[in-house]
């Protein structure tokens, strides 16, 4: 297949995907939500975006400033919600705040209220039992969940493709030994292992990613292995071997592009599974640290505060929306990479 034919095939697959309106709209919405959550510090923060004081401009969102710069007496970082600081800055300048004046850890100390408090103009989705803004927690938690899912899915694909391709291409004893190792390795209960490790180590973002990555590649390796076992018997592969073509060229140029079709179709489902797993661990209390934004923590807050339905409904609504969008995207990719549909499209 020459370069022109490859481009044509990619264009056909893109057109098939785009014709599936639910998949195309879901991809656009998911991209918008990811970009929206990526701007979390600009949209929800307890620091001004920009302020002018005594003729100078400052950017508290990107840099910490001591209180002494704004007329205070402390060398510590400035609390921009302190009435003294607010009055001092407004006397000699001005501040521009984000739409939401709270970060995911900021406690609403203004007024005499009980927590959790219902949605208001100040807290769009209310506050949790600790007085933290629910909207800010969801915004930061959504970004963290998507980044975690993307990193886990991509690294899973890379490791799974390498191991599966090696086993499937060589076959024989290498394939048999690899299968036995994967069967034993895949028998470990990942969730219980994380729960045990969390009893004596702090499960940070990278620790959770590493532990889940140790086991998540097995399913991907099996898929790629199956594709390589089939492709290695095809006439074009046998002919290439007979002509002395290097194994690396056969793997990367002739077999791998076809094997990646299945991988691309399953990628959105892998991403959805990664987000769900992280949310489940956070919900059970074995996920990220308490000071990290997490959708699972929102769901746990909703379970523990049934009299404050805005917490649980907000967390469940966002998680359900993300999973539904990824489901539609996965179905669209599956149709776009379907060999039968591609043949009828030529």
C-alpha atoms as a PDB file:
ATOM      1  CA  UNK A   1       0.000   0.000   0.000  1.00  0.00           C
ATOM      2  CA  UNK A   2       1.575   3.284  -1.070  1.00  0.00           C
ATOM      3  CA  UNK A   3       1.447   6.597   0.757  1.00  0.00           C
ATOM      4  CA  UNK A   4      -1.520   7.862  -1.276  1.00  0.00           C
ATOM      5  CA  UNK A   5      -3.564   4.754  -0.472  1.00  0.00           C
ATOM      6  CA  UNK A   6      -2.711   5.088   3.238  1.00  0.00           C
ATOM      7  CA  UNK A   7      -3.909   8.667   3.282  1.00  0.00           C
ATOM      8  CA  UNK A   8      -7.054   7.641   1.433  1.00  0.00           C
ATOM      9  CA  UNK A   9      -7.781   4.888   3.945  1.00  0.00           C
ATOM     10  CA  UNK A  10      -7.278   7.287   6.864  1.00  0.00           C
ATOM     11  CA  UNK A  11      -9.590   9.792   5.212  1.00  0.00           C
ATOM     12  CA  UNK A  12     -12.242   7.120   4.709  1.00  0.00           C
ATOM     13  CA  UNK A  13     -12.026   6.071   8.345  1.00  0.00           C
ATOM     14  CA  UNK A  14     -12.282   9.672   9.468  1.00  0.00           C
ATOM     15  CA  UNK A  15     -15.323  10.221   7.276  1.00  0.00           C
ATOM     16  CA  UNK A  16     -16.998   7.079   8.626  1.00  0.00           C
ATOM     17  CA  UNK A  17     -16.326   8.259  12.166  1.00  0.00           C
ATOM     18  CA  UNK A  18     -17.594  11.762  11.413  1.00  0.00           C
ATOM     19  CA  UNK A  19     -20.781  10.408   9.845  1.00  0.00           C
ATOM     20  CA  UNK A  20     -21.606   8.843  13.205  1.00  0.00           C
ATOM     21  CA  UNK A  21     -23.008  12.045  14.684  1.00  0.00           C
ATOM     22  CA  UNK A  22     -23.253  10.736  18.239  1.00  0.00           C
ATOM     23  CA  UNK A  23     -19.571   9.720  18.175  1.00  0.00           C
ATOM     24  CA  UNK A  24     -18.414  12.967  16.544  1.00  0.00           C
ATOM     25  CA  UNK A  25     -20.391  15.185  18.927  1.00  0.00           C
ATOM     26  CA  UNK A  26     -19.223  13.101  21.888  1.00  0.00           C
ATOM     27  CA  UNK A  27     -15.589  13.538  20.847  1.00  0.00           C
ATOM     28  CA  UNK A  28     -16.055  17.305  20.565  1.00  0.00           C
ATOM     29  CA  UNK A  29     -17.779  17.478  23.960  1.00  0.00           C
ATOM     30  CA  UNK A  30     -15.098  15.347  25.598  1.00  0.00           C
ATOM     31  CA  UNK A  31     -12.383  17.550  24.115  1.00  0.00           C
ATOM     32  CA  UNK A  32     -14.197  20.650  25.339  1.00  0.00           C
ATOM     33  CA  UNK A  33     -14.521  19.227  28.868  1.00  0.00           C
ATOM     34  CA  UNK A  34     -10.828  18.353  28.924  1.00  0.00           C
ATOM     35  CA  UNK A  35      -9.808  21.827  27.758  1.00  0.00           C
ATOM     36  CA  UNK A  36     -12.287  23.364  30.199  1.00  0.00           C
ATOM     37  CA  UNK A  37     -10.856  21.399  33.128  1.00  0.00           C
ATOM     38  CA  UNK A  38      -7.290  22.157  31.971  1.00  0.00           C
ATOM     39  CA  UNK A  39      -8.003  25.827  32.735  1.00  0.00           C
ATOM     40  CA  UNK A  40      -9.042  24.994  36.307  1.00  0.00           C
ATOM     41  CA  UNK A  41      -6.685  27.523  37.928  1.00  0.00           C
ATOM     42  CA  UNK A  42      -8.096  30.299  35.755  1.00  0.00           C
ATOM     43  CA  UNK A  43     -11.735  29.322  36.297  1.00  0.00           C
ATOM     44  CA  UNK A  44     -11.720  28.456  40.005  1.00  0.00           C
ATOM     45  CA  UNK A  45      -9.106  29.804  42.391  1.00  0.00           C
ATOM     46  CA  UNK A  46      -8.756  31.559  45.722  1.00  0.00           C
ATOM     47  CA  UNK A  47      -6.200  33.921  44.199  1.00  0.00           C
ATOM     48  CA  UNK A  48      -6.825  36.814  41.773  1.00  0.00           C
ATOM     49  CA  UNK A  49      -5.888  36.338  38.154  1.00  0.00           C
ATOM     50  CA  UNK A  50      -4.205  39.730  38.052  1.00  0.00           C
ATOM     51  CA  UNK A  51      -3.970  42.648  40.455  1.00  0.00           C
ATOM     52  CA  UNK A  52      -2.524  46.126  40.376  1.00  0.00           C
ATOM     53  CA  UNK A  53      -1.047  47.548  43.566  1.00  0.00           C
ATOM     54  CA  UNK A  54       0.821  50.815  43.954  1.00  0.00           C
ATOM     55  CA  UNK A  55       1.441  51.068  40.203  1.00  0.00           C
ATOM     56  CA  UNK A  56       2.793  47.506  39.796  1.00  0.00           C
ATOM     57  CA  UNK A  57       1.075  44.451  38.290  1.00  0.00           C
ATOM     58  CA  UNK A  58       1.052  41.033  39.950  1.00  0.00           C
ATOM     59  CA  UNK A  59      -0.159  37.589  38.857  1.00  0.00           C
ATOM     60  CA  UNK A  60      -0.990  35.609  42.022  1.00  0.00           C
ATOM     61  CA  UNK A  61      -2.336  32.611  40.089  1.00  0.00           C
ATOM     62  CA  UNK A  62       1.127  31.907  38.691  1.00  0.00           C
ATOM     63  CA  UNK A  63       3.356  33.186  41.513  1.00  0.00           C
ATOM     64  CA  UNK A  64       3.239  33.425  45.289  1.00  0.00           C
ATOM     65  CA  UNK A  65       3.789  36.843  46.877  1.00  0.00           C
ATOM     66  CA  UNK A  66       4.487  37.646  50.547  1.00  0.00           C
ATOM     67  CA  UNK A  67       1.948  39.729  52.425  1.00  0.00           C
ATOM     68  CA  UNK A  68       4.502  42.486  53.034  1.00  0.00           C
ATOM     69  CA  UNK A  69       4.245  43.529  49.356  1.00  0.00           C
ATOM     70  CA  UNK A  70       0.618  44.542  49.915  1.00  0.00           C
ATOM     71  CA  UNK A  71       1.083  46.419  53.177  1.00  0.00           C
ATOM     72  CA  UNK A  72       1.033  43.472  55.566  1.00  0.00           C
ATOM     73  CA  UNK A  73       3.524  42.508  58.242  1.00  0.00           C
ATOM     74  CA  UNK A  74       3.893  38.775  57.563  1.00  0.00           C
ATOM     75  CA  UNK A  75       6.477  37.198  55.258  1.00  0.00           C
ATOM     76  CA  UNK A  76       4.151  34.275  54.550  1.00  0.00           C
ATOM     77  CA  UNK A  77       2.151  33.848  51.348  1.00  0.00           C
ATOM     78  CA  UNK A  78      -0.684  36.299  50.957  1.00  0.00           C
ATOM     79  CA  UNK A  79      -4.239  35.281  51.836  1.00  0.00           C
ATOM     80  CA  UNK A  80      -6.193  37.274  49.271  1.00  0.00           C
ATOM     81  CA  UNK A  81      -9.467  36.625  51.103  1.00  0.00           C
ATOM     82  CA  UNK A  82      -8.192  38.326  54.250  1.00  0.00           C
ATOM     83  CA  UNK A  83     -10.287  41.502  54.781  1.00  0.00           C
ATOM     84  CA  UNK A  84      -7.147  43.486  55.638  1.00  0.00           C
ATOM     85  CA  UNK A  85      -5.407  42.428  52.410  1.00  0.00           C
ATOM     86  CA  UNK A  86      -8.514  43.106  50.325  1.00  0.00           C
ATOM     87  CA  UNK A  87      -8.888  46.601  51.800  1.00  0.00           C
ATOM     88  CA  UNK A  88      -5.179  47.369  51.356  1.00  0.00           C
ATOM     89  CA  UNK A  89      -5.133  46.302  47.695  1.00  0.00           C
ATOM     90  CA  UNK A  90      -8.351  48.127  46.833  1.00  0.00           C
ATOM     91  CA  UNK A  91      -6.977  51.282  48.409  1.00  0.00           C
ATOM     92  CA  UNK A  92      -4.008  51.406  46.042  1.00  0.00           C
ATOM     93  CA  UNK A  93      -5.198  49.285  43.124  1.00  0.00           C
ATOM     94  CA  UNK A  94      -7.643  46.625  41.957  1.00  0.00           C
ATOM     95  CA  UNK A  95      -8.050  42.843  41.503  1.00  0.00           C
ATOM     96  CA  UNK A  96      -9.576  40.623  38.809  1.00  0.00           C
ATOM     97  CA  UNK A  97     -10.871  37.331  40.199  1.00  0.00           C
ATOM     98  CA  UNK A  98     -11.719  34.028  38.450  1.00  0.00           C
ATOM     99  CA  UNK A  99     -15.434  33.258  37.968  1.00  0.00           C
ATOM    100  CA  UNK A 100     -15.298  30.996  41.048  1.00  0.00           C
ATOM    101  CA  UNK A 101     -13.381  32.460  44.009  1.00  0.00           C
ATOM    102  CA  UNK A 102     -12.488  29.071  45.486  1.00  0.00           C
ATOM    103  CA  UNK A 103      -9.925  26.381  44.761  1.00  0.00           C
ATOM    104  CA  UNK A 104     -10.562  22.695  45.475  1.00  0.00           C
ATOM    105  CA  UNK A 105      -9.127  22.979  49.012  1.00  0.00           C
ATOM    106  CA  UNK A 106     -10.454  26.444  49.896  1.00  0.00           C
ATOM    107  CA  UNK A 107     -12.932  26.508  52.763  1.00  0.00           C
ATOM    108  CA  UNK A 108     -15.746  29.042  52.574  1.00  0.00           C
ATOM    109  CA  UNK A 109     -15.328  30.925  55.851  1.00  0.00           C
ATOM    110  CA  UNK A 110     -17.578  33.817  54.962  1.00  0.00           C
ATOM    111  CA  UNK A 111     -20.794  34.207  56.928  1.00  0.00           C
ATOM    112  CA  UNK A 112     -22.357  32.066  59.602  1.00  0.00           C
ATOM    113  CA  UNK A 113     -23.406  28.910  57.803  1.00  0.00           C
ATOM    114  CA  UNK A 114     -23.482  25.179  58.332  1.00  0.00           C
ATOM    115  CA  UNK A 115     -21.812  22.705  56.005  1.00  0.00           C
ATOM    116  CA  UNK A 116     -22.639  21.222  53.610  1.00  0.00           C
ATOM    117  CA  UNK A 117     -24.432  24.272  52.225  1.00  0.00           C
ATOM    118  CA  UNK A 118     -26.750  24.217  49.168  1.00  0.00           C
ATOM    119  CA  UNK A 119     -25.911  25.761  45.771  1.00  0.00           C
ATOM    120  CA  UNK A 120     -25.801  29.548  45.669  1.00  0.00           C
ATOM    121  CA  UNK A 121     -24.448  32.391  43.554  1.00  0.00           C
ATOM    122  CA  UNK A 122     -21.198  32.119  45.509  1.00  0.00           C
ATOM    123  CA  UNK A 123     -20.901  28.310  45.445  1.00  0.00           C
ATOM    124  CA  UNK A 124     -22.508  27.163  42.201  1.00  0.00           C
ATOM    125  CA  UNK A 125     -22.824  23.515  43.221  1.00  0.00           C
ATOM    126  CA  UNK A 126     -22.818  24.097  46.964  1.00  0.00           C
ATOM    127  CA  UNK A 127     -20.188  23.008  49.462  1.00  0.00           C
ATOM    128  CA  UNK A 128     -19.297  19.682  51.011  1.00  0.00           C
ATOM    129  CA  UNK A 129     -19.155  18.790  54.699  1.00  0.00           C
ATOM    130  CA  UNK A 130     -15.784  20.531  55.013  1.00  0.00           C
ATOM    131  CA  UNK A 131     -16.961  23.788  53.460  1.00  0.00           C
ATOM    132  CA  UNK A 132     -15.090  23.250  50.186  1.00  0.00           C
ATOM    133  CA  UNK A 133     -16.628  24.339  46.901  1.00  0.00           C
ATOM    134  CA  UNK A 134     -18.059  21.328  45.039  1.00  0.00           C
ATOM    135  CA  UNK A 135     -17.706  22.908  41.587  1.00  0.00           C
ATOM    136  CA  UNK A 136     -14.002  23.573  42.137  1.00  0.00           C
ATOM    137  CA  UNK A 137     -13.448  20.024  43.389  1.00  0.00           C
ATOM    138  CA  UNK A 138     -15.200  18.550  40.355  1.00  0.00           C
ATOM    139  CA  UNK A 139     -13.299  20.809  37.956  1.00  0.00           C
ATOM    140  CA  UNK A 140      -9.875  19.918  39.379  1.00  0.00           C
ATOM    141  CA  UNK A 141     -10.854  16.281  39.903  1.00  0.00           C
ATOM    142  CA  UNK A 142     -12.052  15.926  36.323  1.00  0.00           C
ATOM    143  CA  UNK A 143      -8.721  17.145  34.985  1.00  0.00           C
ATOM    144  CA  UNK A 144      -6.782  14.796  37.242  1.00  0.00           C
ATOM    145  CA  UNK A 145      -8.971  11.815  36.318  1.00  0.00           C
ATOM    146  CA  UNK A 146      -8.662  12.417  32.570  1.00  0.00           C
ATOM    147  CA  UNK A 147      -4.883  12.890  32.791  1.00  0.00           C
ATOM    148  CA  UNK A 148      -4.568   9.722  34.867  1.00  0.00           C
ATOM    149  CA  UNK A 149      -6.721   7.773  32.425  1.00  0.00           C
ATOM    150  CA  UNK A 150      -4.836   9.063  29.373  1.00  0.00           C
ATOM    151  CA  UNK A 151      -1.410   8.296  30.846  1.00  0.00           C
ATOM    152  CA  UNK A 152      -2.475   4.826  31.968  1.00  0.00           C
ATOM    153  CA  UNK A 153      -4.135   4.014  28.629  1.00  0.00           C
ATOM    154  CA  UNK A 154      -1.231   5.233  26.494  1.00  0.00           C
ATOM    155  CA  UNK A 155       1.449   3.471  28.528  1.00  0.00           C
ATOM    156  CA  UNK A 156      -0.707   0.337  28.647  1.00  0.00           C
ATOM    157  CA  UNK A 157      -0.971   0.343  24.859  1.00  0.00           C
ATOM    158  CA  UNK A 158       2.781   0.856  24.404  1.00  0.00           C
ATOM    159  CA  UNK A 159       3.771  -1.940  26.793  1.00  0.00           C
ATOM    160  CA  UNK A 160       1.009  -4.273  25.632  1.00  0.00           C
ATOM    161  CA  UNK A 161       1.869  -3.790  21.952  1.00  0.00           C
ATOM    162  CA  UNK A 162       5.582  -4.429  22.531  1.00  0.00           C
ATOM    163  CA  UNK A 163       5.064  -7.605  24.575  1.00  0.00           C
ATOM    164  CA  UNK A 164       2.164  -8.902  22.471  1.00  0.00           C
ATOM    165  CA  UNK A 165       4.009  -8.286  19.203  1.00  0.00           C
ATOM    166  CA  UNK A 166       7.119 -10.064  20.470  1.00  0.00           C
ATOM    167  CA  UNK A 167       5.139 -13.106  21.619  1.00  0.00           C
ATOM    168  CA  UNK A 168       2.878 -13.315  18.569  1.00  0.00           C
ATOM    169  CA  UNK A 169       5.563 -12.797  15.959  1.00  0.00           C
ATOM    170  CA  UNK A 170       7.976 -15.396  17.310  1.00  0.00           C
ATOM    171  CA  UNK A 171       5.369 -17.888  18.548  1.00  0.00           C
ATOM    172  CA  UNK A 172       6.519 -21.326  19.687  1.00  0.00           C
ATOM    173  CA  UNK A 173       8.151 -21.605  23.080  1.00  0.00           C
ATOM    174  CA  UNK A 174       8.402 -17.830  23.499  1.00  0.00           C
ATOM    175  CA  UNK A 175       4.642 -17.514  23.070  1.00  0.00           C
ATOM    176  CA  UNK A 176       3.908 -20.465  25.349  1.00  0.00           C
ATOM    177  CA  UNK A 177       6.161 -19.209  28.155  1.00  0.00           C
ATOM    178  CA  UNK A 178       4.778 -15.698  27.796  1.00  0.00           C
ATOM    179  CA  UNK A 179       1.207 -16.967  28.098  1.00  0.00           C
ATOM    180  CA  UNK A 180       1.970 -18.849  31.305  1.00  0.00           C
ATOM    181  CA  UNK A 181       3.640 -15.774  32.800  1.00  0.00           C
ATOM    182  CA  UNK A 182       0.675 -13.576  31.874  1.00  0.00           C
ATOM    183  CA  UNK A 183      -1.776 -16.093  33.344  1.00  0.00           C
ATOM    184  CA  UNK A 184       0.083 -16.095  36.662  1.00  0.00           C
ATOM    185  CA  UNK A 185       0.695 -12.336  36.658  1.00  0.00           C
ATOM    186  CA  UNK A 186      -2.906 -11.587  35.710  1.00  0.00           C
ATOM    187  CA  UNK A 187      -4.193 -13.652  38.621  1.00  0.00           C
ATOM    188  CA  UNK A 188      -3.076 -11.083  41.197  1.00  0.00           C
ATOM    189  CA  UNK A 189      -5.998  -9.066  42.623  1.00  0.00           C
ATOM    190  CA  UNK A 190      -4.976  -5.507  41.748  1.00  0.00           C
ATOM    191  CA  UNK A 191      -7.541  -3.786  43.974  1.00  0.00           C
ATOM    192  CA  UNK A 192      -6.558  -5.804  47.047  1.00  0.00           C
ATOM    193  CA  UNK A 193      -2.881  -5.187  46.318  1.00  0.00           C
ATOM    194  CA  UNK A 194      -3.467  -1.420  46.241  1.00  0.00           C
ATOM    195  CA  UNK A 195      -5.459  -1.621  49.477  1.00  0.00           C
ATOM    196  CA  UNK A 196      -2.615  -3.501  51.181  1.00  0.00           C
ATOM    197  CA  UNK A 197       0.037  -1.099  49.894  1.00  0.00           C
ATOM    198  CA  UNK A 198      -1.986   1.917  51.022  1.00  0.00           C
ATOM    199  CA  UNK A 199      -1.698   0.705  54.621  1.00  0.00           C
ATOM    200  CA  UNK A 200       2.035   1.487  54.772  1.00  0.00           C
ATOM    201  CA  UNK A 201       2.684   3.908  51.864  1.00  0.00           C
ATOM    202  CA  UNK A 202       0.933   7.054  50.696  1.00  0.00           C
ATOM    203  CA  UNK A 203      -0.706   6.205  47.341  1.00  0.00           C
ATOM    204  CA  UNK A 204       0.320   9.202  45.247  1.00  0.00           C
ATOM    205  CA  UNK A 205      -0.568   9.811  41.593  1.00  0.00           C
ATOM    206  CA  UNK A 206       2.586   8.137  40.263  1.00  0.00           C
ATOM    207  CA  UNK A 207       2.394   5.235  42.738  1.00  0.00           C
ATOM    208  CA  UNK A 208      -1.161   4.380  41.695  1.00  0.00           C
ATOM    209  CA  UNK A 209      -0.243   4.767  38.037  1.00  0.00           C
ATOM    210  CA  UNK A 210       2.733   2.437  38.419  1.00  0.00           C
ATOM    211  CA  UNK A 211       0.815  -0.250  40.321  1.00  0.00           C
ATOM    212  CA  UNK A 212      -2.087  -0.290  37.865  1.00  0.00           C
ATOM    213  CA  UNK A 213       0.305  -0.268  34.926  1.00  0.00           C
ATOM    214  CA  UNK A 214       1.953  -3.450  36.216  1.00  0.00           C
ATOM    215  CA  UNK A 215      -1.219  -5.391  35.446  1.00  0.00           C
ATOM    216  CA  UNK A 216      -3.228  -3.367  32.907  1.00  0.00           C
ATOM    217  CA  UNK A 217      -1.038  -4.300  29.912  1.00  0.00           C
ATOM    218  CA  UNK A 218      -2.031  -7.985  29.964  1.00  0.00           C
ATOM    219  CA  UNK A 219      -5.344  -7.592  28.122  1.00  0.00           C
ATOM    220  CA  UNK A 220      -3.774  -5.378  25.460  1.00  0.00           C
ATOM    221  CA  UNK A 221      -0.884  -7.809  24.998  1.00  0.00           C
ATOM    222  CA  UNK A 222      -3.318 -10.672  24.389  1.00  0.00           C
ATOM    223  CA  UNK A 223      -5.145  -8.709  21.672  1.00  0.00           C
ATOM    224  CA  UNK A 224      -1.939  -7.760  19.842  1.00  0.00           C
ATOM    225  CA  UNK A 225      -0.534 -11.264  20.257  1.00  0.00           C
ATOM    226  CA  UNK A 226      -3.625 -12.737  18.584  1.00  0.00           C
ATOM    227  CA  UNK A 227      -3.329 -10.336  15.644  1.00  0.00           C
ATOM    228  CA  UNK A 228       0.362 -11.153  15.182  1.00  0.00           C
ATOM    229  CA  UNK A 229      -0.255 -14.903  15.393  1.00  0.00           C
ATOM    230  CA  UNK A 230      -2.702 -14.578  12.523  1.00  0.00           C
ATOM    231  CA  UNK A 231      -0.624 -12.178  10.443  1.00  0.00           C
ATOM    232  CA  UNK A 232       2.614 -14.183  10.685  1.00  0.00           C
ATOM    233  CA  UNK A 233       0.994 -16.942   8.588  1.00  0.00           C
ATOM    234  CA  UNK A 234      -0.109 -14.637   5.765  1.00  0.00           C
ATOM    235  CA  UNK A 235       1.583 -14.964   2.405  1.00  0.00           C
ATOM    236  CA  UNK A 236       2.994 -11.423   2.344  1.00  0.00           C
ATOM    237  CA  UNK A 237       4.785 -12.015   5.668  1.00  0.00           C
ATOM    238  CA  UNK A 238       6.146 -15.382   4.550  1.00  0.00           C
ATOM    239  CA  UNK A 239       7.296 -13.828   1.279  1.00  0.00           C
ATOM    240  CA  UNK A 240       9.027 -10.983   3.098  1.00  0.00           C
ATOM    241  CA  UNK A 241      10.859 -13.477   5.316  1.00  0.00           C
ATOM    242  CA  UNK A 242      11.910 -15.504   2.285  1.00  0.00           C
ATOM    243  CA  UNK A 243      13.311 -12.358   0.663  1.00  0.00           C
ATOM    244  CA  UNK A 244      15.396 -11.660   3.751  1.00  0.00           C
ATOM    245  CA  UNK A 245      13.496  -8.624   4.956  1.00  0.00           C
ATOM    246  CA  UNK A 246      14.550  -7.813   8.567  1.00  0.00           C
ATOM    247  CA  UNK A 247      12.115  -8.764  11.314  1.00  0.00           C
ATOM    248  CA  UNK A 248      11.873  -5.164  12.487  1.00  0.00           C
ATOM    249  CA  UNK A 249      10.688  -4.012   9.065  1.00  0.00           C
ATOM    250  CA  UNK A 250       8.106  -6.797   8.856  1.00  0.00           C
ATOM    251  CA  UNK A 251       6.781  -6.044  12.340  1.00  0.00           C
ATOM    252  CA  UNK A 252       6.581  -2.260  12.143  1.00  0.00           C
ATOM    253  CA  UNK A 253       5.723  -1.775   8.469  1.00  0.00           C
ATOM    254  CA  UNK A 254       3.568  -4.777   7.543  1.00  0.00           C
ATOM    255  CA  UNK A 255       1.967  -6.305  10.664  1.00  0.00           C
ATOM    256  CA  UNK A 256       1.759  -3.605  13.329  1.00  0.00           C
ATOM    257  CA  UNK A 257      -0.436  -1.116  11.377  1.00  0.00           C
ATOM    258  CA  UNK A 258      -3.104  -3.819  10.977  1.00  0.00           C
ATOM    259  CA  UNK A 259      -2.756  -4.980  14.580  1.00  0.00           C
ATOM    260  CA  UNK A 260      -3.248  -1.434  15.870  1.00  0.00           C
ATOM    261  CA  UNK A 261      -6.759  -1.342  14.396  1.00  0.00           C
ATOM    262  CA  UNK A 262      -8.091  -3.343  17.340  1.00  0.00           C
ATOM    263  CA  UNK A 263      -6.052  -1.270  19.758  1.00  0.00           C
ATOM    264  CA  UNK A 264      -7.461   2.012  18.460  1.00  0.00           C
ATOM    265  CA  UNK A 265     -10.998   0.664  18.694  1.00  0.00           C
ATOM    266  CA  UNK A 266     -10.547  -0.282  22.343  1.00  0.00           C
ATOM    267  CA  UNK A 267      -8.665   2.862  23.418  1.00  0.00           C
ATOM    268  CA  UNK A 268     -11.731   4.918  24.540  1.00  0.00           C
ATOM    269  CA  UNK A 269     -13.025   1.935  26.525  1.00  0.00           C
ATOM    270  CA  UNK A 270      -9.617   1.580  28.184  1.00  0.00           C
ATOM    271  CA  UNK A 271      -9.704   5.273  29.065  1.00  0.00           C
ATOM    272  CA  UNK A 272     -13.185   4.903  30.557  1.00  0.00           C
ATOM    273  CA  UNK A 273     -12.052   1.880  32.560  1.00  0.00           C
ATOM    274  CA  UNK A 274      -9.009   3.735  33.910  1.00  0.00           C
ATOM    275  CA  UNK A 275     -11.134   6.687  35.060  1.00  0.00           C
ATOM    276  CA  UNK A 276     -13.664   4.337  36.673  1.00  0.00           C
ATOM    277  CA  UNK A 277     -10.949   2.400  38.505  1.00  0.00           C
ATOM    278  CA  UNK A 278      -9.366   5.551  39.933  1.00  0.00           C
ATOM    279  CA  UNK A 279     -12.795   6.865  40.974  1.00  0.00           C
ATOM    280  CA  UNK A 280     -13.623   3.554  42.674  1.00  0.00           C
ATOM    281  CA  UNK A 281     -10.379   3.551  44.655  1.00  0.00           C
ATOM    282  CA  UNK A 282     -10.941   7.162  45.738  1.00  0.00           C
ATOM    283  CA  UNK A 283     -14.512   6.328  46.729  1.00  0.00           C
ATOM    284  CA  UNK A 284     -13.283   3.481  48.946  1.00  0.00           C
ATOM    285  CA  UNK A 285     -10.542   5.649  50.451  1.00  0.00           C
ATOM    286  CA  UNK A 286      -7.605   3.772  48.903  1.00  0.00           C
ATOM    287  CA  UNK A 287      -6.885   6.181  46.059  1.00  0.00           C
ATOM    288  CA  UNK A 288      -5.193   9.550  45.946  1.00  0.00           C
ATOM    289  CA  UNK A 289      -4.226  11.455  49.122  1.00  0.00           C
ATOM    290  CA  UNK A 290      -6.894  13.424  50.954  1.00  0.00           C
ATOM    291  CA  UNK A 291      -5.530  16.761  49.711  1.00  0.00           C
ATOM    292  CA  UNK A 292      -5.841  15.732  46.035  1.00  0.00           C
ATOM    293  CA  UNK A 293      -8.979  16.537  44.003  1.00  0.00           C
ATOM    294  CA  UNK A 294     -10.856  13.355  43.124  1.00  0.00           C
ATOM    295  CA  UNK A 295     -14.262  12.496  41.704  1.00  0.00           C
ATOM    296  CA  UNK A 296     -14.411   9.467  43.985  1.00  0.00           C
ATOM    297  CA  UNK A 297     -14.108  11.736  47.018  1.00  0.00           C
ATOM    298  CA  UNK A 298     -17.133  13.717  45.787  1.00  0.00           C
ATOM    299  CA  UNK A 299     -19.153  10.505  45.475  1.00  0.00           C
ATOM    300  CA  UNK A 300     -18.075   9.444  48.962  1.00  0.00           C
ATOM    301  CA  UNK A 301     -19.152  12.833  50.304  1.00  0.00           C
ATOM    302  CA  UNK A 302     -22.518  12.360  48.610  1.00  0.00           C
ATOM    303  CA  UNK A 303     -22.946   8.932  50.192  1.00  0.00           C
ATOM    304  CA  UNK A 304     -22.113  10.256  53.632  1.00  0.00           C
ATOM    305  CA  UNK A 305     -24.370  13.306  53.253  1.00  0.00           C
ATOM    306  CA  UNK A 306     -27.625  12.010  51.779  1.00  0.00           C
ATOM    307  CA  UNK A 307     -29.419  15.096  53.097  1.00  0.00           C
ATOM    308  CA  UNK A 308     -27.243  17.172  50.715  1.00  0.00           C
ATOM    309  CA  UNK A 309     -28.163  15.616  47.338  1.00  0.00           C
ATOM    310  CA  UNK A 310     -26.333  18.299  45.337  1.00  0.00           C
ATOM    311  CA  UNK A 311     -23.001  16.680  46.216  1.00  0.00           C
ATOM    312  CA  UNK A 312     -23.747  13.161  45.029  1.00  0.00           C
ATOM    313  CA  UNK A 313     -25.768  14.264  42.010  1.00  0.00           C
ATOM    314  CA  UNK A 314     -23.001  16.609  40.843  1.00  0.00           C
ATOM    315  CA  UNK A 315     -20.285  13.961  41.086  1.00  0.00           C
ATOM    316  CA  UNK A 316     -22.422  11.231  39.556  1.00  0.00           C
ATOM    317  CA  UNK A 317     -23.597  13.484  36.726  1.00  0.00           C
ATOM    318  CA  UNK A 318     -20.073  14.448  35.666  1.00  0.00           C
ATOM    319  CA  UNK A 319     -18.749  10.874  35.880  1.00  0.00           C
ATOM    320  CA  UNK A 320     -21.735   9.477  33.972  1.00  0.00           C
ATOM    321  CA  UNK A 321     -21.352  12.145  31.278  1.00  0.00           C
ATOM    322  CA  UNK A 322     -17.676  11.332  30.748  1.00  0.00           C
ATOM    323  CA  UNK A 323     -18.302   7.588  30.534  1.00  0.00           C
ATOM    324  CA  UNK A 324     -21.213   8.000  28.105  1.00  0.00           C
ATOM    325  CA  UNK A 325     -19.147  10.281  25.852  1.00  0.00           C
ATOM    326  CA  UNK A 326     -16.272   7.796  25.793  1.00  0.00           C
ATOM    327  CA  UNK A 327     -18.716   4.967  25.055  1.00  0.00           C
ATOM    328  CA  UNK A 328     -20.054   6.771  21.975  1.00  0.00           C
ATOM    329  CA  UNK A 329     -16.523   7.651  20.824  1.00  0.00           C
ATOM    330  CA  UNK A 330     -15.475   4.012  21.200  1.00  0.00           C
ATOM    331  CA  UNK A 331     -18.430   2.817  19.141  1.00  0.00           C
ATOM    332  CA  UNK A 332     -17.592   5.364  16.440  1.00  0.00           C
ATOM    333  CA  UNK A 333     -13.964   4.217  16.295  1.00  0.00           C
ATOM    334  CA  UNK A 334     -15.054   0.595  16.172  1.00  0.00           C
ATOM    335  CA  UNK A 335     -17.221   1.309  13.130  1.00  0.00           C
ATOM    336  CA  UNK A 336     -14.526   3.431  11.488  1.00  0.00           C
ATOM    337  CA  UNK A 337     -11.918   0.687  11.803  1.00  0.00           C
ATOM    338  CA  UNK A 338     -14.286  -2.131  10.811  1.00  0.00           C
ATOM    339  CA  UNK A 339     -12.664  -3.859   7.777  1.00  0.00           C
ATOM    340  CA  UNK A 340     -16.037  -4.638   6.233  1.00  0.00           C
ATOM    341  CA  UNK A 341     -17.145  -0.994   6.328  1.00  0.00           C
ATOM    342  CA  UNK A 342     -13.818   0.131   4.907  1.00  0.00           C
ATOM    343  CA  UNK A 343     -14.102  -2.310   2.012  1.00  0.00           C
ATOM    344  CA  UNK A 344     -17.572  -1.119   1.087  1.00  0.00           C
ATOM    345  CA  UNK A 345     -16.379   2.496   1.246  1.00  0.00           C
ATOM    346  CA  UNK A 346     -13.809   2.127  -1.570  1.00  0.00           C
END
